[in-house]
Amino acid sequence: MKRLFFGLEPTDETRERCTSIIQAIANGANQPVPAANLHVTLVFLGLLDAAKESALLEDAATVACAKTAIIFDQLSHWQKPGILCLAASDTAPELLSLVGQLTALSKKWGVTLDGRPYQAHVTLARKAKHPVGLAFGPVIWQADTFCLFESCPVENGVEYRVLKRWPMAGQVAIGSLKRPTP
């Protein structure tokens, strides 16, 4: 059994931007996420056997999705899981379509999902007990592939490994980037 999820990888530039924010919020009271583990979860699958993993790998190749971008413009503290994360005040329709397709595929193969509405976020720190104030410019996370990740236990926590990548089509849609009206 493997602990799996569909997600998005950051570009090198996005990883650097997120890492600088992680360094700015590090206060000793929270546990920073390693730069190598930065990702956006699309659908968390949980523990799956080899048969379900194989079926999802095959079916994910049929997903039709457009390249997209997520504009992370908020630093949020989620009290119950105890995380500090980047959050997006708006979600592009292309991203919601991808999440919907991956959710449908997962349910088709009997994967039990948590049912909460999708909210794009990037976890920056764990074990966070309080919000942290920090002014920052929006982080634009461009996605031209989506991935199946495995969460692997390691000595100091977990490591997220990409098992497979699938391309997204077309031009990058920047979503609802606020533009002045003429």
N, C-alpha and C. Protein backbone atom coordinates (compact mmCIF):
# COMPACT_ATOMS: atom_id res chain seq x y z
N MET A 1 0.85 -1.19 0.00
CA MET A 1 0.00 0.00 0.00
C MET A 1 0.89 1.25 0.00
N LYS A 2 0.46 2.21 -0.80
CA LYS A 2 1.19 3.48 -0.88
C LYS A 2 0.25 4.62 -0.53
N ARG A 3 0.80 5.65 0.10
CA ARG A 3 0.04 6.86 0.42
C ARG A 3 0.24 7.82 -0.76
N LEU A 4 -0.86 8.09 -1.50
CA LEU A 4 -0.76 8.79 -2.78
C LEU A 4 -1.64 10.04 -2.84
N PHE A 5 -1.24 10.95 -3.73
CA PHE A 5 -2.09 12.11 -4.03
C PHE A 5 -1.72 12.66 -5.40
N PHE A 6 -2.70 13.27 -6.06
CA PHE A 6 -2.46 14.02 -7.27
C PHE A 6 -2.10 15.45 -6.87
N GLY A 7 -1.13 16.03 -7.56
CA GLY A 7 -0.72 17.38 -7.20
C GLY A 7 0.04 18.08 -8.31
N LEU A 8 0.48 19.29 -7.98
CA LEU A 8 1.25 20.12 -8.89
C LEU A 8 2.61 20.41 -8.28
N GLU A 9 3.64 20.37 -9.13
CA GLU A 9 5.00 20.73 -8.72
C GLU A 9 5.23 22.22 -8.98
N PRO A 10 6.08 22.84 -8.17
CA PRO A 10 6.43 24.24 -8.47
C PRO A 10 7.54 24.32 -9.51
N THR A 11 7.60 25.44 -10.21
CA THR A 11 8.77 25.73 -11.03
C THR A 11 9.90 26.08 -10.07
N ASP A 12 11.13 26.12 -10.56
CA ASP A 12 12.26 26.50 -9.70
C ASP A 12 12.06 27.89 -9.13
N GLU A 13 11.57 28.82 -9.95
CA GLU A 13 11.34 30.19 -9.48
C GLU A 13 10.28 30.24 -8.38
N THR A 14 9.21 29.48 -8.57
CA THR A 14 8.15 29.45 -7.56
C THR A 14 8.65 28.83 -6.27
N ARG A 15 9.44 27.77 -6.38
CA ARG A 15 10.02 27.13 -5.19
C ARG A 15 10.88 28.14 -4.42
N GLU A 16 11.67 28.93 -5.14
CA GLU A 16 12.51 29.95 -4.49
C GLU A 16 11.66 31.00 -3.78
N ARG A 17 10.59 31.46 -4.44
CA ARG A 17 9.69 32.46 -3.81
C ARG A 17 9.08 31.91 -2.54
N CYS A 18 8.59 30.66 -2.60
CA CYS A 18 7.98 30.03 -1.43
C CYS A 18 9.01 29.84 -0.32
N THR A 19 10.22 29.45 -0.69
CA THR A 19 11.28 29.25 0.30
C THR A 19 11.61 30.56 1.01
N SER A 20 11.63 31.66 0.29
CA SER A 20 11.92 32.95 0.95
C SER A 20 10.80 33.31 1.94
N ILE A 21 9.57 32.97 1.62
CA ILE A 21 8.46 33.22 2.55
C ILE A 21 8.59 32.30 3.77
N ILE A 22 8.95 31.05 3.54
CA ILE A 22 9.16 30.11 4.65
C ILE A 22 10.23 30.65 5.60
N GLN A 23 11.32 31.16 5.05
CA GLN A 23 12.39 31.71 5.90
C GLN A 23 11.90 32.92 6.69
N ALA A 24 11.03 33.74 6.07
CA ALA A 24 10.52 34.93 6.75
C ALA A 24 9.55 34.60 7.88
N ILE A 25 8.86 33.46 7.78
CA ILE A 25 7.88 33.11 8.84
C ILE A 25 8.46 32.14 9.86
N ALA A 26 9.67 31.65 9.63
CA ALA A 26 10.29 30.71 10.58
C ALA A 26 10.50 31.43 11.91
N ASN A 27 9.93 30.86 12.95
CA ASN A 27 10.04 31.51 14.26
C ASN A 27 10.38 30.52 15.38
N GLY A 28 10.75 29.32 15.02
CA GLY A 28 11.10 28.33 16.04
C GLY A 28 9.89 27.61 16.61
N ALA A 29 8.69 28.22 16.49
CA ALA A 29 7.48 27.60 17.02
C ALA A 29 6.80 26.74 15.98
N ASN A 30 7.18 26.88 14.72
CA ASN A 30 6.57 26.06 13.68
C ASN A 30 7.65 25.23 12.98
N GLN A 31 7.22 24.24 12.26
CA GLN A 31 8.13 23.34 11.55
C GLN A 31 8.06 23.66 10.06
N PRO A 32 9.10 24.31 9.51
CA PRO A 32 9.08 24.67 8.09
C PRO A 32 9.03 23.43 7.20
N VAL A 33 8.30 23.55 6.10
CA VAL A 33 8.24 22.48 5.11
C VAL A 33 9.52 22.55 4.28
N PRO A 34 10.20 21.41 4.07
CA PRO A 34 11.39 21.42 3.22
C PRO A 34 11.04 21.87 1.80
N ALA A 35 11.91 22.64 1.18
CA ALA A 35 11.67 23.16 -0.17
C ALA A 35 11.35 22.05 -1.15
N ALA A 36 11.98 20.89 -0.99
CA ALA A 36 11.74 19.77 -1.91
C ALA A 36 10.33 19.22 -1.80
N ASN A 37 9.62 19.50 -0.71
CA ASN A 37 8.28 18.98 -0.50
C ASN A 37 7.17 19.96 -0.90
N LEU A 38 7.52 21.13 -1.39
CA LEU A 38 6.48 22.10 -1.77
C LEU A 38 5.67 21.57 -2.94
N HIS A 39 4.36 21.68 -2.83
CA HIS A 39 3.45 21.18 -3.86
C HIS A 39 2.06 21.77 -3.61
N VAL A 40 1.19 21.62 -4.58
CA VAL A 40 -0.23 21.93 -4.43
C VAL A 40 -0.96 20.60 -4.57
N THR A 41 -1.69 20.20 -3.56
CA THR A 41 -2.49 18.97 -3.64
C THR A 41 -3.73 19.24 -4.48
N LEU A 42 -4.00 18.34 -5.41
CA LEU A 42 -5.23 18.41 -6.20
C LEU A 42 -6.28 17.48 -5.60
N VAL A 43 -5.91 16.22 -5.39
CA VAL A 43 -6.81 15.22 -4.79
C VAL A 43 -5.96 14.30 -3.91
N PHE A 44 -6.27 14.25 -2.61
CA PHE A 44 -5.58 13.34 -1.70
C PHE A 44 -6.27 11.98 -1.77
N LEU A 45 -5.50 10.95 -2.08
CA LEU A 45 -6.05 9.61 -2.29
C LEU A 45 -5.92 8.71 -1.08
N GLY A 46 -4.93 8.93 -0.24
CA GLY A 46 -4.71 8.08 0.93
C GLY A 46 -3.96 6.80 0.55
N LEU A 47 -4.12 5.78 1.38
CA LEU A 47 -3.44 4.50 1.15
C LEU A 47 -4.15 3.71 0.07
N LEU A 48 -3.42 3.35 -0.98
CA LEU A 48 -4.00 2.59 -2.09
C LEU A 48 -3.16 1.35 -2.38
N ASP A 49 -3.85 0.30 -2.80
CA ASP A 49 -3.14 -0.92 -3.21
C ASP A 49 -2.65 -0.76 -4.65
N ALA A 50 -1.84 -1.72 -5.09
CA ALA A 50 -1.23 -1.65 -6.42
C ALA A 50 -2.26 -1.65 -7.55
N ALA A 51 -3.37 -2.37 -7.38
CA ALA A 51 -4.39 -2.44 -8.43
C ALA A 51 -5.05 -1.07 -8.65
N LYS A 52 -5.40 -0.38 -7.56
CA LYS A 52 -6.02 0.95 -7.70
C LYS A 52 -5.01 1.95 -8.23
N GLU A 53 -3.77 1.85 -7.77
CA GLU A 53 -2.73 2.75 -8.27
C GLU A 53 -2.57 2.57 -9.78
N SER A 54 -2.51 1.34 -10.24
CA SER A 54 -2.34 1.05 -11.66
C SER A 54 -3.52 1.60 -12.47
N ALA A 55 -4.73 1.40 -11.98
CA ALA A 55 -5.92 1.89 -12.68
C ALA A 55 -5.92 3.42 -12.76
N LEU A 56 -5.53 4.08 -11.68
CA LEU A 56 -5.49 5.54 -11.69
C LEU A 56 -4.39 6.06 -12.60
N LEU A 57 -3.26 5.38 -12.64
CA LEU A 57 -2.18 5.77 -13.55
C LEU A 57 -2.65 5.71 -15.00
N GLU A 58 -3.37 4.66 -15.33
CA GLU A 58 -3.87 4.50 -16.70
C GLU A 58 -4.93 5.55 -17.03
N ASP A 59 -5.90 5.72 -16.12
CA ASP A 59 -7.00 6.64 -16.39
C ASP A 59 -6.58 8.11 -16.36
N ALA A 60 -5.58 8.45 -15.57
CA ALA A 60 -5.15 9.85 -15.49
C ALA A 60 -4.63 10.34 -16.84
N ALA A 61 -4.15 9.42 -17.66
CA ALA A 61 -3.66 9.79 -19.00
C ALA A 61 -4.80 10.28 -19.90
N THR A 62 -6.05 10.00 -19.54
CA THR A 62 -7.19 10.43 -20.35
C THR A 62 -7.74 11.79 -19.93
N VAL A 63 -7.20 12.36 -18.86
CA VAL A 63 -7.69 13.65 -18.37
C VAL A 63 -7.30 14.75 -19.34
N ALA A 64 -8.28 15.53 -19.72
CA ALA A 64 -8.06 16.67 -20.62
C ALA A 64 -8.09 17.95 -19.80
N CYS A 65 -6.95 18.59 -19.68
CA CYS A 65 -6.91 19.80 -18.88
C CYS A 65 -5.99 20.84 -19.50
N ALA A 66 -6.31 22.09 -19.25
CA ALA A 66 -5.52 23.20 -19.77
C ALA A 66 -4.46 23.60 -18.77
N LYS A 67 -3.34 24.09 -19.31
CA LYS A 67 -2.33 24.68 -18.44
C LYS A 67 -3.00 25.80 -17.66
N THR A 68 -2.54 26.02 -16.44
CA THR A 68 -3.18 27.02 -15.61
C THR A 68 -2.17 27.67 -14.69
N ALA A 69 -2.60 28.66 -13.97
CA ALA A 69 -1.76 29.31 -12.96
C ALA A 69 -2.65 29.60 -11.76
N ILE A 70 -2.06 29.48 -10.60
CA ILE A 70 -2.76 29.80 -9.35
C ILE A 70 -2.07 31.02 -8.77
N ILE A 71 -2.85 31.99 -8.37
CA ILE A 71 -2.29 33.20 -7.77
C ILE A 71 -2.49 33.11 -6.25
N PHE A 72 -1.40 32.79 -5.56
CA PHE A 72 -1.45 32.70 -4.10
C PHE A 72 -1.19 34.10 -3.55
N ASP A 73 -2.23 34.67 -2.95
CA ASP A 73 -2.16 36.06 -2.50
C ASP A 73 -2.45 36.25 -1.02
N GLN A 74 -2.58 35.15 -0.28
CA GLN A 74 -2.87 35.23 1.15
C GLN A 74 -1.98 34.27 1.93
N LEU A 75 -1.59 34.68 3.12
CA LEU A 75 -0.90 33.79 4.05
C LEU A 75 -1.93 33.44 5.12
N SER A 76 -2.27 32.15 5.22
CA SER A 76 -3.33 31.72 6.12
C SER A 76 -2.80 30.79 7.20
N HIS A 77 -3.48 30.83 8.34
CA HIS A 77 -3.21 29.89 9.44
C HIS A 77 -4.45 29.02 9.58
N TRP A 78 -4.28 27.72 9.37
CA TRP A 78 -5.38 26.78 9.56
C TRP A 78 -5.16 26.11 10.90
N GLN A 79 -6.00 26.49 11.86
CA GLN A 79 -5.79 26.09 13.25
C GLN A 79 -5.87 24.59 13.46
N LYS A 80 -6.91 23.94 12.93
CA LYS A 80 -7.10 22.52 13.23
C LYS A 80 -5.93 21.65 12.75
N PRO A 81 -5.47 21.78 11.47
CA PRO A 81 -4.30 20.98 11.11
C PRO A 81 -3.00 21.62 11.58
N GLY A 82 -3.07 22.88 12.08
CA GLY A 82 -1.87 23.55 12.56
C GLY A 82 -0.87 23.88 11.48
N ILE A 83 -1.36 24.47 10.38
CA ILE A 83 -0.43 24.81 9.29
C ILE A 83 -0.49 26.30 8.96
N LEU A 84 0.62 26.79 8.43
CA LEU A 84 0.67 28.08 7.78
C LEU A 84 0.79 27.79 6.30
N CYS A 85 -0.05 28.42 5.50
CA CYS A 85 -0.05 28.11 4.07
C CYS A 85 -0.33 29.34 3.24
N LEU A 86 0.12 29.25 1.99
CA LEU A 86 -0.30 30.22 0.99
C LEU A 86 -1.66 29.78 0.49
N ALA A 87 -2.58 30.72 0.35
CA ALA A 87 -3.91 30.40 -0.16
C ALA A 87 -4.24 31.36 -1.29
N ALA A 88 -5.15 30.92 -2.13
CA ALA A 88 -5.58 31.72 -3.28
C ALA A 88 -6.98 32.27 -2.99
N SER A 89 -7.17 33.56 -3.21
CA SER A 89 -8.49 34.13 -2.96
C SER A 89 -9.47 33.76 -4.07
N ASP A 90 -8.96 33.27 -5.19
CA ASP A 90 -9.81 32.86 -6.30
C ASP A 90 -9.17 31.65 -6.97
N THR A 91 -9.99 30.77 -7.54
CA THR A 91 -9.48 29.58 -8.19
C THR A 91 -9.91 29.57 -9.65
N ALA A 92 -8.95 29.39 -10.54
CA ALA A 92 -9.23 29.38 -11.98
C ALA A 92 -10.13 28.21 -12.34
N PRO A 93 -11.06 28.41 -13.27
CA PRO A 93 -11.94 27.32 -13.71
C PRO A 93 -11.16 26.11 -14.24
N GLU A 94 -10.01 26.36 -14.88
CA GLU A 94 -9.20 25.26 -15.41
C GLU A 94 -8.72 24.34 -14.29
N LEU A 95 -8.36 24.94 -13.16
CA LEU A 95 -7.89 24.14 -12.02
C LEU A 95 -9.06 23.35 -11.43
N LEU A 96 -10.20 23.99 -11.30
CA LEU A 96 -11.38 23.29 -10.76
C LEU A 96 -11.80 22.14 -11.67
N SER A 97 -11.67 22.32 -12.98
CA SER A 97 -12.00 21.25 -13.92
C SER A 97 -11.06 20.06 -13.72
N LEU A 98 -9.77 20.34 -13.58
CA LEU A 98 -8.79 19.27 -13.35
C LEU A 98 -9.10 18.53 -12.06
N VAL A 99 -9.35 19.26 -10.99
CA VAL A 99 -9.68 18.64 -9.71
C VAL A 99 -10.95 17.79 -9.85
N GLY A 100 -11.95 18.29 -10.55
CA GLY A 100 -13.19 17.55 -10.75
C GLY A 100 -12.98 16.25 -11.50
N GLN A 101 -12.17 16.30 -12.56
CA GLN A 101 -11.90 15.09 -13.33
C GLN A 101 -11.13 14.05 -12.50
N LEU A 102 -10.13 14.51 -11.74
CA LEU A 102 -9.35 13.59 -10.92
C LEU A 102 -10.19 13.02 -9.77
N THR A 103 -11.09 13.82 -9.25
CA THR A 103 -12.01 13.34 -8.21
C THR A 103 -12.91 12.26 -8.77
N ALA A 104 -13.47 12.49 -9.95
CA ALA A 104 -14.36 11.50 -10.58
C ALA A 104 -13.61 10.19 -10.85
N LEU A 105 -12.37 10.28 -11.35
CA LEU A 105 -11.58 9.06 -11.59
C LEU A 105 -11.34 8.30 -10.30
N SER A 106 -11.02 9.04 -9.26
CA SER A 106 -10.73 8.41 -7.96
C SER A 106 -11.96 7.68 -7.43
N LYS A 107 -13.11 8.33 -7.51
CA LYS A 107 -14.35 7.71 -7.03
C LYS A 107 -14.72 6.49 -7.88
N LYS A 108 -14.45 6.57 -9.19
CA LYS A 108 -14.72 5.45 -10.09
C LYS A 108 -14.02 4.18 -9.61
N TRP A 109 -12.82 4.32 -9.05
CA TRP A 109 -12.05 3.18 -8.58
C TRP A 109 -12.21 2.92 -7.08
N GLY A 110 -13.23 3.52 -6.49
CA GLY A 110 -13.57 3.22 -5.10
C GLY A 110 -12.71 3.90 -4.05
N VAL A 111 -12.03 4.97 -4.44
CA VAL A 111 -11.22 5.71 -3.47
C VAL A 111 -12.16 6.60 -2.66
N THR A 112 -12.05 6.52 -1.36
CA THR A 112 -12.87 7.35 -0.47
C THR A 112 -12.17 8.69 -0.28
N LEU A 113 -12.86 9.77 -0.64
CA LEU A 113 -12.31 11.12 -0.52
C LEU A 113 -12.98 11.84 0.63
N ASP A 114 -12.35 12.90 1.14
CA ASP A 114 -12.88 13.57 2.33
C ASP A 114 -14.12 14.42 2.07
N GLY A 115 -14.39 14.82 0.84
CA GLY A 115 -15.63 15.53 0.52
C GLY A 115 -15.63 17.02 0.79
N ARG A 116 -14.56 17.57 1.34
CA ARG A 116 -14.51 19.02 1.57
C ARG A 116 -14.36 19.74 0.23
N PRO A 117 -14.89 20.96 0.14
CA PRO A 117 -14.71 21.73 -1.09
C PRO A 117 -13.21 21.98 -1.32
N TYR A 118 -12.83 22.01 -2.59
CA TYR A 118 -11.41 22.20 -2.92
C TYR A 118 -10.96 23.61 -2.61
N GLN A 119 -9.79 23.72 -1.98
CA GLN A 119 -9.16 25.02 -1.74
C GLN A 119 -7.67 24.88 -2.04
N ALA A 120 -7.23 25.53 -3.10
CA ALA A 120 -5.82 25.48 -3.47
C ALA A 120 -4.98 26.14 -2.37
N HIS A 121 -3.93 25.45 -1.95
CA HIS A 121 -3.03 26.00 -0.94
C HIS A 121 -1.66 25.33 -1.03
N VAL A 122 -0.67 25.98 -0.46
CA VAL A 122 0.69 25.44 -0.37
C VAL A 122 1.08 25.50 1.09
N THR A 123 1.28 24.35 1.71
CA THR A 123 1.69 24.32 3.12
C THR A 123 3.14 24.77 3.22
N LEU A 124 3.38 25.77 4.07
CA LEU A 124 4.72 26.32 4.27
C LEU A 124 5.32 25.88 5.60
N ALA A 125 4.46 25.67 6.61
CA ALA A 125 4.94 25.27 7.95
C ALA A 125 3.87 24.46 8.65
N ARG A 126 4.31 23.50 9.42
CA ARG A 126 3.43 22.66 10.23
C ARG A 126 3.64 23.00 11.71
N LYS A 127 2.76 22.45 12.55
CA LYS A 127 2.81 22.68 14.00
C LYS A 127 2.76 24.16 14.34
N ALA A 128 2.04 24.92 13.53
CA ALA A 128 1.90 26.36 13.74
C ALA A 128 0.71 26.61 14.66
N LYS A 129 0.94 27.29 15.74
CA LYS A 129 -0.12 27.55 16.71
C LYS A 129 -0.80 28.91 16.52
N HIS A 130 -0.12 29.83 15.81
CA HIS A 130 -0.64 31.18 15.65
C HIS A 130 -0.43 31.69 14.23
N PRO A 131 -1.30 32.62 13.81
CA PRO A 131 -1.07 33.26 12.51
C PRO A 131 0.21 34.09 12.54
N VAL A 132 0.77 34.33 11.40
CA VAL A 132 1.96 35.15 11.26
C VAL A 132 1.64 36.24 10.25
N GLY A 133 1.94 37.48 10.61
CA GLY A 133 1.73 38.58 9.67
C GLY A 133 2.95 38.76 8.79
N LEU A 134 2.72 38.84 7.50
CA LEU A 134 3.83 39.05 6.57
C LEU A 134 3.26 39.64 5.28
N ALA A 135 3.82 40.75 4.87
CA ALA A 135 3.43 41.34 3.58
C ALA A 135 4.29 40.68 2.50
N PHE A 136 3.67 40.26 1.41
CA PHE A 136 4.40 39.67 0.30
C PHE A 136 3.60 39.89 -0.98
N GLY A 137 4.31 39.90 -2.09
CA GLY A 137 3.65 39.99 -3.39
C GLY A 137 3.09 38.63 -3.76
N PRO A 138 2.05 38.58 -4.58
CA PRO A 138 1.44 37.31 -4.95
C PRO A 138 2.47 36.34 -5.55
N VAL A 139 2.29 35.08 -5.23
CA VAL A 139 3.11 34.01 -5.80
C VAL A 139 2.28 33.38 -6.91
N ILE A 140 2.78 33.44 -8.13
CA ILE A 140 2.05 32.86 -9.26
C ILE A 140 2.64 31.49 -9.55
N TRP A 141 1.82 30.47 -9.33
CA TRP A 141 2.22 29.07 -9.48
C TRP A 141 1.72 28.60 -10.84
N GLN A 142 2.61 28.50 -11.82
CA GLN A 142 2.23 28.07 -13.16
C GLN A 142 2.33 26.56 -13.25
N ALA A 143 1.30 25.96 -13.84
CA ALA A 143 1.25 24.50 -13.95
C ALA A 143 1.07 24.09 -15.40
N ASP A 144 2.01 23.28 -15.88
CA ASP A 144 1.86 22.72 -17.22
C ASP A 144 1.87 21.20 -17.21
N THR A 145 2.00 20.63 -15.99
CA THR A 145 1.86 19.18 -15.80
C THR A 145 1.15 18.96 -14.47
N PHE A 146 0.51 17.81 -14.32
CA PHE A 146 0.04 17.38 -13.00
C PHE A 146 0.68 16.03 -12.74
N CYS A 147 0.76 15.65 -11.47
CA CYS A 147 1.56 14.48 -11.08
C CYS A 147 0.80 13.59 -10.10
N LEU A 148 1.24 12.32 -10.07
CA LEU A 148 0.85 11.43 -8.99
C LEU A 148 2.06 11.36 -8.07
N PHE A 149 1.86 11.74 -6.81
CA PHE A 149 2.91 11.74 -5.81
C PHE A 149 2.71 10.59 -4.83
N GLU A 150 3.83 10.10 -4.28
CA GLU A 150 3.80 9.17 -3.16
C GLU A 150 4.41 9.88 -1.96
N SER A 151 3.74 9.77 -0.82
CA SER A 151 4.25 10.30 0.43
C SER A 151 5.03 9.18 1.12
N CYS A 152 6.35 9.35 1.21
CA CYS A 152 7.23 8.30 1.74
C CYS A 152 7.80 8.72 3.08
N PRO A 153 7.65 7.87 4.10
CA PRO A 153 8.25 8.21 5.39
C PRO A 153 9.78 8.19 5.30
N VAL A 154 10.41 9.19 5.89
CA VAL A 154 11.86 9.27 6.00
C VAL A 154 12.19 9.60 7.46
N GLU A 155 13.46 9.61 7.78
CA GLU A 155 13.89 9.79 9.16
C GLU A 155 13.29 11.01 9.85
N ASN A 156 13.24 12.15 9.15
CA ASN A 156 12.76 13.38 9.78
C ASN A 156 11.39 13.82 9.30
N GLY A 157 10.54 12.88 8.88
CA GLY A 157 9.21 13.26 8.42
C GLY A 157 8.80 12.48 7.19
N VAL A 158 8.47 13.20 6.11
CA VAL A 158 8.07 12.56 4.85
C VAL A 158 8.79 13.22 3.69
N GLU A 159 8.81 12.49 2.60
CA GLU A 159 9.35 13.00 1.34
C GLU A 159 8.31 12.70 0.28
N TYR A 160 8.03 13.68 -0.58
CA TYR A 160 7.05 13.49 -1.64
C TYR A 160 7.78 13.18 -2.94
N ARG A 161 7.50 12.01 -3.50
CA ARG A 161 8.16 11.57 -4.72
C ARG A 161 7.14 11.52 -5.86
N VAL A 162 7.53 12.05 -7.00
CA VAL A 162 6.67 12.01 -8.18
C VAL A 162 6.78 10.62 -8.80
N LEU A 163 5.63 9.96 -8.95
CA LEU A 163 5.59 8.65 -9.60
C LEU A 163 5.35 8.78 -11.10
N LYS A 164 4.57 9.79 -11.50
CA LYS A 164 4.24 9.97 -12.92
C LYS A 164 3.78 11.41 -13.13
N ARG A 165 4.11 11.95 -14.32
CA ARG A 165 3.67 13.29 -14.73
C ARG A 165 2.84 13.18 -16.00
N TRP A 166 1.83 14.05 -16.11
CA TRP A 166 1.02 14.13 -17.32
C TRP A 166 1.00 15.58 -17.78
N PRO A 167 1.11 15.81 -19.09
CA PRO A 167 1.11 17.18 -19.60
C PRO A 167 -0.29 17.79 -19.60
N MET A 168 -0.33 19.10 -19.46
CA MET A 168 -1.55 19.87 -19.59
C MET A 168 -1.43 20.62 -20.92
N ALA A 169 -2.55 20.91 -21.55
CA ALA A 169 -2.54 21.45 -22.92
C ALA A 169 -2.74 22.96 -22.95
N GLY A 170 -2.36 23.55 -24.09
CA GLY A 170 -2.69 24.94 -24.37
C GLY A 170 -1.78 25.96 -23.72
N GLN A 171 -2.27 27.20 -23.73
CA GLN A 171 -1.56 28.32 -23.12
C GLN A 171 -1.88 28.38 -21.63
N VAL A 172 -0.98 28.93 -20.85
CA VAL A 172 -1.23 29.09 -19.43
C VAL A 172 -2.31 30.14 -19.22
N ALA A 173 -3.34 29.75 -18.46
CA ALA A 173 -4.40 30.68 -18.10
C ALA A 173 -4.07 31.26 -16.74
N ILE A 174 -3.94 32.56 -16.65
CA ILE A 174 -3.55 33.19 -15.39
C ILE A 174 -4.75 33.32 -14.46
N GLY A 175 -5.88 32.86 -14.82
CA GLY A 175 -7.03 32.89 -13.91
C GLY A 175 -7.54 34.29 -13.73
N SER A 176 -7.80 34.64 -12.51
CA SER A 176 -8.47 35.92 -12.24
C SER A 176 -7.49 37.00 -11.80
N LEU A 177 -6.33 37.05 -12.44
CA LEU A 177 -5.38 38.09 -12.11
C LEU A 177 -6.09 39.43 -12.27
N LYS A 178 -6.11 40.18 -11.20
CA LYS A 178 -6.85 41.45 -11.20
C LYS A 178 -6.18 42.44 -12.15
N ARG A 179 -6.93 42.88 -13.14
CA ARG A 179 -6.43 43.85 -14.10
C ARG A 179 -7.30 45.10 -14.02
N PRO A 180 -6.71 46.27 -14.16
CA PRO A 180 -7.54 47.47 -14.12
C PRO A 180 -8.53 47.51 -15.28
N THR A 181 -9.71 48.02 -15.00
CA THR A 181 -10.72 48.17 -16.06
C THR A 181 -10.50 49.50 -16.77
N PRO A 182 -10.62 49.46 -18.12
CA PRO A 182 -10.40 50.71 -18.88
C PRO A 182 -11.46 51.74 -18.60
